[in-house]
Amino acid sequence: MPRVLVRFARDETAATAIEYAVLIATVSAGLSALLHNLGGALDGTFAKVAGSLQPHQAIVIDDGQ
């Protein structure tokens, strides 16, 4: 039984998995904050562009027939 406990104490596989999980969570939170802030800026830009566009008018060509 003591060998099992020593082997369990030396096993770092789970620690590595937890480190990767923490890293992924940190990157995800950072990307979420970045996209949230970028979304507000893009919303303003699209509103500005949409406001400057003129409505489309159809062109009618009369060929005399």
C-alpha atoms as a PDB file:
ATOM      1  CA  MET A   1       0.000   0.000   0.000  1.00  0.00           C
ATOM      2  CA  PRO A   2       2.770   2.539   0.751  1.00  0.00           C
ATOM      3  CA  ARG A   3       4.147   2.063  -2.802  1.00  0.00           C
ATOM      4  CA  VAL A   4       0.797   3.081  -4.238  1.00  0.00           C
ATOM      5  CA  LEU A   5       0.771   6.266  -2.184  1.00  0.00           C
ATOM      6  CA  VAL A   6       4.342   7.139  -3.192  1.00  0.00           C
ATOM      7  CA  ARG A   7       3.527   6.540  -6.855  1.00  0.00           C
ATOM      8  CA  PHE A   8       0.385   8.662  -6.520  1.00  0.00           C
ATOM      9  CA  ALA A   9       2.363  11.510  -4.889  1.00  0.00           C
ATOM     10  CA  ARG A  10       4.923  11.494  -7.739  1.00  0.00           C
ATOM     11  CA  ASP A  11       2.352  11.413 -10.538  1.00  0.00           C
ATOM     12  CA  GLU A  12       2.120  14.894 -12.106  1.00  0.00           C
ATOM     13  CA  THR A  13      -0.235  14.035 -14.965  1.00  0.00           C
ATOM     14  CA  ALA A  14      -3.296  15.550 -13.291  1.00  0.00           C
ATOM     15  CA  ALA A  15      -1.363  18.681 -12.322  1.00  0.00           C
ATOM     16  CA  THR A  16      -0.433  19.245 -15.963  1.00  0.00           C
ATOM     17  CA  ALA A  17      -4.051  18.832 -17.053  1.00  0.00           C
ATOM     18  CA  ILE A  18      -5.168  21.343 -14.429  1.00  0.00           C
ATOM     19  CA  GLU A  19      -2.503  23.816 -15.571  1.00  0.00           C
ATOM     20  CA  TYR A  20      -3.754  23.537 -19.145  1.00  0.00           C
ATOM     21  CA  ALA A  21      -7.335  24.035 -17.982  1.00  0.00           C
ATOM     22  CA  VAL A  22      -6.375  27.184 -16.072  1.00  0.00           C
ATOM     23  CA  LEU A  23      -4.449  28.470 -19.087  1.00  0.00           C
ATOM     24  CA  ILE A  24      -7.387  27.851 -21.431  1.00  0.00           C
ATOM     25  CA  ALA A  25      -9.802  29.539 -19.002  1.00  0.00           C
ATOM     26  CA  THR A  26      -7.520  32.587 -18.767  1.00  0.00           C
ATOM     27  CA  VAL A  27      -7.167  32.897 -22.535  1.00  0.00           C
ATOM     28  CA  SER A  28     -10.925  32.463 -22.982  1.00  0.00           C
ATOM     29  CA  ALA A  29     -11.691  35.199 -20.467  1.00  0.00           C
ATOM     30  CA  GLY A  30      -9.224  37.541 -22.170  1.00  0.00           C
ATOM     31  CA  LEU A  31     -10.691  36.885 -25.617  1.00  0.00           C
ATOM     32  CA  SER A  32     -14.197  37.388 -24.282  1.00  0.00           C
ATOM     33  CA  ALA A  33     -13.281  40.792 -22.833  1.00  0.00           C
ATOM     34  CA  LEU A  34     -11.469  41.785 -26.030  1.00  0.00           C
ATOM     35  CA  LEU A  35     -14.373  40.820 -28.277  1.00  0.00           C
ATOM     36  CA  HIS A  36     -16.855  42.581 -26.003  1.00  0.00           C
ATOM     37  CA  ASN A  37     -14.915  45.848 -26.266  1.00  0.00           C
ATOM     38  CA  LEU A  38     -14.262  45.401 -29.974  1.00  0.00           C
ATOM     39  CA  GLY A  39     -17.953  44.716 -30.586  1.00  0.00           C
ATOM     40  CA  GLY A  40     -18.906  48.128 -29.222  1.00  0.00           C
ATOM     41  CA  ALA A  41     -16.384  49.840 -31.465  1.00  0.00           C
ATOM     42  CA  LEU A  42     -17.562  47.920 -34.516  1.00  0.00           C
ATOM     43  CA  ASP A  43     -21.186  48.734 -33.741  1.00  0.00           C
ATOM     44  CA  GLY A  44     -20.371  52.444 -33.850  1.00  0.00           C
ATOM     45  CA  THR A  45     -18.442  52.067 -37.086  1.00  0.00           C
ATOM     46  CA  PHE A  46     -21.225  50.157 -38.826  1.00  0.00           C
ATOM     47  CA  ALA A  47     -23.789  52.701 -37.635  1.00  0.00           C
ATOM     48  CA  LYS A  48     -21.661  55.517 -39.079  1.00  0.00           C
ATOM     49  CA  VAL A  49     -21.305  53.755 -42.430  1.00  0.00           C
ATOM     50  CA  ALA A  50     -25.008  52.898 -42.569  1.00  0.00           C
ATOM     51  CA  GLY A  51     -25.915  56.504 -41.854  1.00  0.00           C
ATOM     52  CA  SER A  52     -23.754  57.765 -44.706  1.00  0.00           C
ATOM     53  CA  LEU A  53     -25.230  55.443 -47.338  1.00  0.00           C
ATOM     54  CA  GLN A  54     -27.904  56.743 -49.662  1.00  0.00           C
ATOM     55  CA  PRO A  55     -30.978  54.660 -50.475  1.00  0.00           C
ATOM     56  CA  HIS A  56     -30.657  52.724 -53.689  1.00  0.00           C
ATOM     57  CA  GLN A  57     -32.619  54.193 -56.584  1.00  0.00           C
ATOM     58  CA  ALA A  58     -33.610  52.121 -59.574  1.00  0.00           C
ATOM     59  CA  ILE A  59     -32.398  53.273 -62.982  1.00  0.00           C
ATOM     60  CA  VAL A  60     -35.033  52.980 -65.683  1.00  0.00           C
ATOM     61  CA  ILE A  61     -33.816  52.931 -69.272  1.00  0.00           C
ATOM     62  CA  ASP A  62     -36.401  53.918 -71.868  1.00  0.00           C
ATOM     63  CA  ASP A  63     -35.461  52.383 -75.213  1.00  0.00           C
ATOM     64  CA  GLY A  64     -38.379  54.008 -77.032  1.00  0.00           C
ATOM     65  CA  GLN A  65     -40.378  50.882 -77.781  1.00  0.00           C
END
